[in-house]
């Protein structure tokens, strides 16, 4: 069983099918799977899987990381946290362009933080916080 099937089965066991949709596309860079919640306040999950390791994972608007294909426990913990609404984004923008972001996903294994951009003492009025709702 591949990682995509594992995530789909896990979601179907945890949630009613009407709470999310799954799109599966092939691109020149590999397979792209997107899980869209029916709740517009919940976070979308996107997985890019190439023929080689690692898997690229995007949660919500700004949480982006790489995981080894063999790291299924961490991946499932992150999926569980997203469907429970345990993802928070802090995004600094200028004229609609993201200049820095800090995102946190809180799993039963602990908190994972991802930062993108150049850390700087940006003014607080450029910061936009986003907390995501649970899938159901």
N, C-alpha and C. Protein backbone atom coordinates (compact mmCIF):
# COMPACT_ATOMS: atom_id res chain seq x y z
N UNK A 1 0.85 -1.18 0.00
CA UNK A 1 0.00 0.00 0.00
C UNK A 1 0.89 1.23 0.00
N UNK A 2 0.56 2.19 -0.88
CA UNK A 2 1.37 3.40 -0.92
C UNK A 2 0.86 4.44 0.08
N UNK A 3 1.61 5.50 0.22
CA UNK A 3 1.32 6.53 1.24
C UNK A 3 -0.01 7.23 0.97
N UNK A 4 -0.35 7.44 -0.29
CA UNK A 4 -1.60 8.11 -0.64
C UNK A 4 -2.80 7.27 -0.20
N UNK A 5 -2.76 5.99 -0.51
CA UNK A 5 -3.84 5.10 -0.11
C UNK A 5 -3.96 5.05 1.41
N UNK A 6 -2.83 5.05 2.10
CA UNK A 6 -2.83 5.05 3.55
C UNK A 6 -3.55 6.28 4.10
N UNK A 7 -3.26 7.45 3.55
CA UNK A 7 -3.91 8.69 4.01
C UNK A 7 -5.40 8.66 3.70
N UNK A 8 -5.78 8.22 2.49
CA UNK A 8 -7.19 8.16 2.12
C UNK A 8 -7.97 7.22 3.05
N UNK A 9 -7.43 6.05 3.30
CA UNK A 9 -8.08 5.08 4.19
C UNK A 9 -8.20 5.65 5.60
N UNK A 10 -7.14 6.30 6.06
CA UNK A 10 -7.16 6.89 7.40
C UNK A 10 -8.25 7.97 7.50
N UNK A 11 -8.36 8.82 6.49
CA UNK A 11 -9.40 9.85 6.49
C UNK A 11 -10.80 9.25 6.48
N UNK A 12 -11.00 8.22 5.66
CA UNK A 12 -12.31 7.59 5.57
C UNK A 12 -12.70 6.89 6.88
N UNK A 13 -11.71 6.39 7.62
CA UNK A 13 -11.98 5.79 8.93
C UNK A 13 -12.33 6.83 9.98
N UNK A 14 -11.74 8.02 9.88
CA UNK A 14 -11.90 9.06 10.89
C UNK A 14 -13.06 10.02 10.65
N UNK A 15 -13.42 10.22 9.37
CA UNK A 15 -14.38 11.27 9.02
C UNK A 15 -15.47 10.74 8.10
N UNK A 16 -16.66 11.36 8.17
CA UNK A 16 -17.68 11.06 7.16
C UNK A 16 -17.18 11.51 5.78
N UNK A 17 -17.49 10.77 4.75
CA UNK A 17 -16.99 11.05 3.40
C UNK A 17 -17.44 12.43 2.91
N UNK A 18 -18.58 12.92 3.37
CA UNK A 18 -19.07 14.21 2.90
C UNK A 18 -18.32 15.40 3.48
N UNK A 19 -17.37 15.18 4.40
CA UNK A 19 -16.63 16.29 5.01
C UNK A 19 -15.37 16.68 4.23
N UNK A 20 -15.03 15.93 3.18
CA UNK A 20 -13.84 16.25 2.39
C UNK A 20 -13.95 15.66 0.99
N UNK A 21 -13.13 16.20 0.09
CA UNK A 21 -13.01 15.62 -1.25
C UNK A 21 -11.53 15.44 -1.56
N UNK A 22 -11.24 14.49 -2.43
CA UNK A 22 -9.85 14.18 -2.77
C UNK A 22 -9.68 14.30 -4.28
N UNK A 23 -8.66 15.06 -4.70
CA UNK A 23 -8.30 15.09 -6.12
C UNK A 23 -6.90 14.50 -6.26
N UNK A 24 -6.73 13.73 -7.30
CA UNK A 24 -5.48 13.01 -7.54
C UNK A 24 -5.06 13.30 -8.98
N UNK A 25 -3.92 13.99 -9.15
CA UNK A 25 -3.46 14.38 -10.48
C UNK A 25 -2.02 13.94 -10.70
N UNK A 26 -1.71 13.63 -11.94
CA UNK A 26 -0.34 13.33 -12.33
C UNK A 26 0.24 14.55 -13.03
N UNK A 27 1.46 14.91 -12.65
CA UNK A 27 2.14 16.03 -13.28
C UNK A 27 3.52 15.56 -13.71
N UNK A 28 4.24 16.37 -14.48
CA UNK A 28 5.60 15.98 -14.86
C UNK A 28 6.52 15.78 -13.65
N UNK A 29 6.20 16.42 -12.53
CA UNK A 29 7.04 16.31 -11.34
C UNK A 29 6.58 15.22 -10.38
N UNK A 30 5.55 14.47 -10.73
CA UNK A 30 5.06 13.41 -9.86
C UNK A 30 3.57 13.52 -9.63
N UNK A 31 3.11 12.85 -8.61
CA UNK A 31 1.69 12.78 -8.28
C UNK A 31 1.34 13.85 -7.26
N UNK A 32 0.21 14.53 -7.47
CA UNK A 32 -0.25 15.57 -6.56
C UNK A 32 -1.63 15.20 -6.05
N UNK A 33 -1.76 15.06 -4.75
CA UNK A 33 -3.02 14.72 -4.11
C UNK A 33 -3.44 15.90 -3.24
N UNK A 34 -4.66 16.37 -3.44
CA UNK A 34 -5.18 17.48 -2.65
C UNK A 34 -6.43 17.03 -1.92
N UNK A 35 -6.45 17.29 -0.61
CA UNK A 35 -7.62 16.98 0.21
C UNK A 35 -8.25 18.30 0.60
N UNK A 36 -9.46 18.52 0.11
CA UNK A 36 -10.18 19.77 0.37
C UNK A 36 -11.34 19.50 1.33
N UNK A 37 -11.36 20.21 2.44
CA UNK A 37 -12.49 20.05 3.37
C UNK A 37 -13.73 20.77 2.82
N UNK A 38 -14.91 20.27 3.16
CA UNK A 38 -16.13 20.97 2.78
C UNK A 38 -16.35 22.20 3.66
N UNK A 39 -15.76 22.19 4.86
CA UNK A 39 -15.81 23.35 5.74
C UNK A 39 -14.79 24.37 5.23
N UNK A 40 -15.24 25.56 4.77
CA UNK A 40 -14.29 26.52 4.20
C UNK A 40 -13.30 27.09 5.22
N UNK A 41 -13.55 26.91 6.50
CA UNK A 41 -12.64 27.40 7.54
C UNK A 41 -11.58 26.37 7.93
N UNK A 42 -11.66 25.17 7.37
CA UNK A 42 -10.68 24.12 7.66
C UNK A 42 -9.53 24.21 6.65
N UNK A 43 -8.41 23.60 7.00
CA UNK A 43 -7.19 23.69 6.18
C UNK A 43 -7.17 22.61 5.09
N UNK A 44 -6.73 23.02 3.92
CA UNK A 44 -6.52 22.10 2.82
C UNK A 44 -5.17 21.41 3.00
N UNK A 45 -5.07 20.16 2.54
CA UNK A 45 -3.81 19.42 2.60
C UNK A 45 -3.42 19.01 1.19
N UNK A 46 -2.16 19.23 0.82
CA UNK A 46 -1.67 18.85 -0.49
C UNK A 46 -0.37 18.06 -0.32
N UNK A 47 -0.28 16.96 -1.07
CA UNK A 47 0.89 16.08 -1.02
C UNK A 47 1.44 15.94 -2.43
N UNK A 48 2.76 16.15 -2.60
CA UNK A 48 3.43 15.91 -3.88
C UNK A 48 4.35 14.72 -3.68
N UNK A 49 4.17 13.73 -4.53
CA UNK A 49 4.94 12.50 -4.39
C UNK A 49 5.64 12.23 -5.72
N UNK A 50 6.96 12.23 -5.69
CA UNK A 50 7.75 11.91 -6.88
C UNK A 50 8.21 10.46 -6.76
N UNK A 51 8.95 10.02 -7.74
CA UNK A 51 9.45 8.65 -7.72
C UNK A 51 10.52 8.44 -6.66
N UNK A 52 11.09 9.52 -6.19
CA UNK A 52 12.13 9.43 -5.18
C UNK A 52 11.67 10.16 -3.91
N UNK A 53 12.34 9.86 -2.81
CA UNK A 53 12.02 10.56 -1.55
C UNK A 53 12.41 12.01 -1.67
N UNK A 54 11.91 12.90 -0.90
CA UNK A 54 10.85 12.79 0.09
C UNK A 54 9.50 13.20 -0.48
N UNK A 55 8.48 13.19 0.35
CA UNK A 55 7.15 13.67 -0.02
C UNK A 55 7.07 15.13 0.42
N UNK A 56 6.54 16.00 -0.44
CA UNK A 56 6.34 17.41 -0.10
C UNK A 56 4.92 17.56 0.43
N UNK A 57 4.79 18.29 1.50
CA UNK A 57 3.51 18.42 2.18
C UNK A 57 3.20 19.89 2.42
N UNK A 58 2.02 20.33 2.00
CA UNK A 58 1.56 21.69 2.24
C UNK A 58 0.25 21.62 3.00
N UNK A 59 0.23 22.27 4.17
CA UNK A 59 -0.96 22.31 5.02
C UNK A 59 -1.40 23.75 5.16
N UNK A 60 -2.68 24.03 4.91
CA UNK A 60 -3.18 25.39 5.03
C UNK A 60 -2.52 26.30 4.01
N UNK A 61 -2.28 27.54 4.40
CA UNK A 61 -1.70 28.53 3.48
C UNK A 61 -0.18 28.55 3.49
N UNK A 62 0.47 28.19 4.62
CA UNK A 62 1.90 28.46 4.72
C UNK A 62 2.75 27.32 5.28
N UNK A 63 2.17 26.26 5.81
CA UNK A 63 2.96 25.19 6.40
C UNK A 63 3.43 24.26 5.27
N UNK A 64 4.71 24.29 4.97
CA UNK A 64 5.30 23.46 3.92
C UNK A 64 6.51 22.74 4.48
N UNK A 65 6.57 21.44 4.26
CA UNK A 65 7.69 20.65 4.75
C UNK A 65 7.89 19.43 3.87
N UNK A 66 8.95 18.71 4.13
CA UNK A 66 9.24 17.45 3.44
C UNK A 66 9.27 16.33 4.47
N UNK A 67 8.75 15.19 4.08
CA UNK A 67 8.80 14.00 4.92
C UNK A 67 9.30 12.83 4.10
N UNK A 68 10.01 11.94 4.74
CA UNK A 68 10.42 10.71 4.09
C UNK A 68 9.19 9.84 3.89
N UNK A 69 9.14 9.10 2.80
CA UNK A 69 8.00 8.23 2.54
C UNK A 69 7.81 7.18 3.63
N UNK A 70 8.89 6.84 4.30
CA UNK A 70 8.81 5.83 5.37
C UNK A 70 8.30 6.41 6.69
N UNK A 71 8.18 7.73 6.79
CA UNK A 71 7.77 8.38 8.04
C UNK A 71 6.25 8.50 8.12
N UNK A 72 5.58 7.36 8.03
CA UNK A 72 4.11 7.36 8.00
C UNK A 72 3.49 7.79 9.33
N UNK A 73 4.13 7.48 10.45
CA UNK A 73 3.56 7.87 11.75
C UNK A 73 3.49 9.38 11.89
N UNK A 74 4.53 10.08 11.49
CA UNK A 74 4.51 11.55 11.57
C UNK A 74 3.49 12.13 10.60
N UNK A 75 3.41 11.56 9.39
CA UNK A 75 2.44 12.04 8.40
C UNK A 75 1.01 11.87 8.92
N UNK A 76 0.68 10.71 9.46
CA UNK A 76 -0.66 10.47 9.99
C UNK A 76 -0.94 11.38 11.18
N UNK A 77 0.05 11.62 12.03
CA UNK A 77 -0.13 12.54 13.17
C UNK A 77 -0.43 13.95 12.67
N UNK A 78 0.24 14.38 11.60
CA UNK A 78 -0.01 15.71 11.04
C UNK A 78 -1.39 15.78 10.40
N UNK A 79 -1.79 14.75 9.69
CA UNK A 79 -3.14 14.71 9.10
C UNK A 79 -4.19 14.77 10.20
N UNK A 80 -4.00 14.00 11.27
CA UNK A 80 -4.94 14.04 12.40
C UNK A 80 -5.04 15.43 13.01
N UNK A 81 -3.89 16.10 13.15
CA UNK A 81 -3.89 17.45 13.73
C UNK A 81 -4.64 18.43 12.84
N UNK A 82 -4.46 18.33 11.52
CA UNK A 82 -5.15 19.24 10.61
C UNK A 82 -6.65 19.00 10.64
N UNK A 83 -7.09 17.75 10.62
CA UNK A 83 -8.54 17.51 10.63
C UNK A 83 -9.15 17.88 11.98
N UNK A 84 -8.32 17.97 13.03
CA UNK A 84 -8.81 18.41 14.34
C UNK A 84 -8.73 19.93 14.50
N UNK A 85 -8.19 20.63 13.50
CA UNK A 85 -8.09 22.09 13.57
C UNK A 85 -6.90 22.58 14.38
N UNK A 86 -5.84 21.79 14.48
CA UNK A 86 -4.68 22.15 15.28
C UNK A 86 -3.54 22.73 14.44
N UNK A 87 -3.90 23.59 13.48
CA UNK A 87 -2.93 24.26 12.62
C UNK A 87 -3.15 25.76 12.73
N UNK A 88 -2.05 26.50 12.89
CA UNK A 88 -2.12 27.95 12.98
C UNK A 88 -1.06 28.56 12.07
N UNK A 89 -1.48 29.56 11.29
CA UNK A 89 -0.56 30.30 10.43
C UNK A 89 -0.43 31.73 10.92
N UNK A 90 0.79 32.25 10.90
CA UNK A 90 1.07 33.66 11.16
C UNK A 90 1.82 34.13 9.92
N UNK A 91 1.18 35.03 9.15
CA UNK A 91 1.72 35.43 7.85
C UNK A 91 1.88 36.94 7.81
N UNK A 92 3.08 37.40 7.43
CA UNK A 92 3.36 38.82 7.27
C UNK A 92 3.33 39.12 5.77
N UNK A 93 2.53 40.12 5.38
CA UNK A 93 2.41 40.45 3.97
C UNK A 93 2.60 41.94 3.72
N UNK A 94 3.04 42.26 2.51
CA UNK A 94 3.10 43.64 2.01
C UNK A 94 2.43 43.62 0.64
N UNK A 95 1.39 44.42 0.49
CA UNK A 95 0.65 44.51 -0.77
C UNK A 95 0.19 43.13 -1.26
N UNK A 96 -0.25 42.30 -0.33
CA UNK A 96 -0.76 40.98 -0.69
C UNK A 96 0.30 39.91 -0.94
N UNK A 97 1.57 40.25 -0.82
CA UNK A 97 2.65 39.28 -1.03
C UNK A 97 3.22 38.85 0.31
N UNK A 98 3.37 37.58 0.50
CA UNK A 98 3.92 37.04 1.74
C UNK A 98 5.41 37.31 1.79
N UNK A 99 5.84 37.94 2.89
CA UNK A 99 7.27 38.20 3.07
C UNK A 99 7.87 37.27 4.14
N UNK A 100 7.01 36.76 5.02
CA UNK A 100 7.48 35.85 6.06
C UNK A 100 6.27 35.10 6.61
N UNK A 101 6.49 33.86 6.98
CA UNK A 101 5.41 33.10 7.62
C UNK A 101 5.98 32.17 8.68
N UNK A 102 5.16 31.95 9.69
CA UNK A 102 5.48 30.97 10.74
C UNK A 102 4.20 30.18 10.98
N UNK A 103 4.29 28.89 10.80
CA UNK A 103 3.13 28.02 10.96
C UNK A 103 3.44 26.94 11.99
N UNK A 104 2.39 26.56 12.73
CA UNK A 104 2.54 25.52 13.74
C UNK A 104 1.44 24.48 13.58
N UNK A 105 1.83 23.23 13.64
CA UNK A 105 0.87 22.14 13.71
C UNK A 105 1.13 21.42 15.03
N UNK A 106 0.07 21.21 15.79
CA UNK A 106 0.20 20.61 17.12
C UNK A 106 -0.32 19.18 17.04
N UNK A 107 0.61 18.21 17.12
CA UNK A 107 0.25 16.80 17.05
C UNK A 107 0.40 16.18 18.44
N UNK A 108 -0.03 14.92 18.55
CA UNK A 108 0.16 14.21 19.82
C UNK A 108 1.64 13.93 20.08
N UNK A 109 2.48 14.08 19.05
CA UNK A 109 3.92 13.88 19.19
C UNK A 109 4.63 15.17 19.59
N UNK A 110 3.92 16.29 19.56
CA UNK A 110 4.52 17.58 19.90
C UNK A 110 4.19 18.62 18.85
N UNK A 111 4.76 19.80 19.01
CA UNK A 111 4.50 20.90 18.08
C UNK A 111 5.59 20.96 17.03
N UNK A 112 5.17 21.12 15.77
CA UNK A 112 6.12 21.26 14.67
C UNK A 112 5.93 22.66 14.10
N UNK A 113 7.00 23.43 14.01
CA UNK A 113 6.95 24.80 13.52
C UNK A 113 7.76 24.90 12.23
N UNK A 114 7.19 25.60 11.25
CA UNK A 114 7.88 25.84 9.99
C UNK A 114 7.91 27.34 9.75
N UNK A 115 9.08 27.85 9.42
CA UNK A 115 9.25 29.27 9.11
C UNK A 115 9.72 29.41 7.66
N UNK A 116 9.15 30.38 6.94
CA UNK A 116 9.54 30.64 5.56
C UNK A 116 9.81 32.13 5.40
N UNK A 117 10.91 32.47 4.78
CA UNK A 117 11.27 33.87 4.58
C UNK A 117 12.40 34.28 5.50
N UNK A 118 12.70 35.55 5.48
CA UNK A 118 13.79 36.09 6.29
C UNK A 118 13.21 36.61 7.61
N UNK A 119 13.65 36.04 8.73
CA UNK A 119 13.14 36.52 10.01
C UNK A 119 13.64 37.93 10.30
N UNK A 120 12.73 38.78 10.66
CA UNK A 120 13.04 40.18 10.89
C UNK A 120 11.97 40.71 11.83
N UNK A 121 12.23 41.81 12.47
CA UNK A 121 11.23 42.42 13.37
C UNK A 121 10.22 43.19 12.52
N UNK A 122 9.35 42.47 11.82
CA UNK A 122 8.35 43.11 10.97
C UNK A 122 7.31 43.81 11.84
N UNK A 123 6.75 44.91 11.37
CA UNK A 123 5.73 45.61 12.15
C UNK A 123 4.49 44.73 12.34
N UNK A 124 3.86 44.83 13.50
CA UNK A 124 2.72 43.95 13.78
C UNK A 124 1.53 44.15 12.85
N UNK A 125 1.38 45.32 12.24
CA UNK A 125 0.23 45.54 11.36
C UNK A 125 0.36 44.79 10.03
N UNK A 126 1.53 44.22 9.75
CA UNK A 126 1.70 43.40 8.55
C UNK A 126 1.34 41.93 8.80
N UNK A 127 1.08 41.58 10.05
CA UNK A 127 0.85 40.19 10.44
C UNK A 127 -0.64 39.85 10.35
N UNK A 128 -0.89 38.67 9.79
CA UNK A 128 -2.25 38.13 9.69
C UNK A 128 -2.22 36.73 10.31
N UNK A 129 -3.05 36.52 11.31
CA UNK A 129 -3.11 35.21 11.97
C UNK A 129 -4.29 34.43 11.43
N UNK A 130 -4.10 33.14 11.28
CA UNK A 130 -5.17 32.28 10.79
C UNK A 130 -5.17 31.00 11.60
N UNK A 131 -6.29 30.74 12.25
CA UNK A 131 -6.52 29.46 12.92
C UNK A 131 -7.54 28.71 12.08
N UNK A 132 -7.33 27.44 11.90
CA UNK A 132 -8.21 26.64 11.05
C UNK A 132 -9.20 25.85 11.91
N UNK A 133 -10.38 25.66 11.37
CA UNK A 133 -11.44 24.90 12.03
C UNK A 133 -11.24 23.41 11.79
N UNK A 134 -11.84 22.58 12.63
CA UNK A 134 -11.81 21.13 12.37
C UNK A 134 -12.61 20.77 11.11
N UNK A 135 -12.35 19.61 10.56
CA UNK A 135 -13.06 19.17 9.36
C UNK A 135 -14.54 18.92 9.63
N UNK A 136 -14.88 18.38 10.80
CA UNK A 136 -16.31 18.10 11.06
C UNK A 136 -16.81 18.82 12.28
